Amino acid sequence: MKIFKTPSIVRKLLFKRTWGFSMNTNEVYLTFDDGPHPDITPWVLDYLKSHEIKACFFCVGENVKRYPEIFQRIINEGHQVGNHTMYHTKSHKTSFNDYQSSIAEAAEWIPSILFRPPYGRLSSYRAHKLSKEYQIILWSWLSYDFDNRVNISEILANAQKNIRGGDILVLHDNYKFTERQKELLPLLVDLILKKGCKFGVIPSNKS
């Protein structure tokens, strides 16, 4: 069973993270993980520009280092950026010091107070420590764009049923899912707009 919508009990228990925003808004927040990469990120940027949509790109530091011109384009076109560690580092398989070092190294390339842990996994202790410096952004709706076992019609059906104002949506600008993303993103955006929602930028809770 795939969990598209993050259960409310999880959001309450893991409270050092931002899962979404007030349902009193009609804004949803589009985010992309793992880039930038020349096979997919420029296409995503072209699409977003054509629809006047802003998103937040949680970038892997080594990709920013390898493709600085694409990262700069993300910023130049008015999108938000966030830290996704230097090497897509897995918190649950990395010592505390090594994990912090990966975040710090990425921060040299990604100027942002927004942070998303790869795979969304982060212990309460590490979340507490990181929340002093970063706004930890997770999500309230997961697209499963990375999972070929979930067909696009199923993703769209769930989006139609469950996406509401205030939701943070997670997709990927990862070269492994290029063709799938090119099919999914336009359909998902069209569905969300028809639901009467619009796309917003993630509000900061830090001064």
Foldseek 3Di string as FASTA:
>chain_A
DDDFFDDPVVCVVLVLAAAWDDLVALAEAEEAEEDDDPLFLVVVVVVCVVVVFAHEYAYAQCRCVVCVVSVVVNVVSPHHYHHAFNHLDAPVVDDPVVRVVRRVSSCVRHVAQEYEYRVNDDDSVSSVVSSVRHHYYDWRGEQCLVPPVQDLVNSQVCCLVDDGPGTYYYHYRDNVNRVSCVVRPVSSVVSSVVVVGGHDHDDDPDD
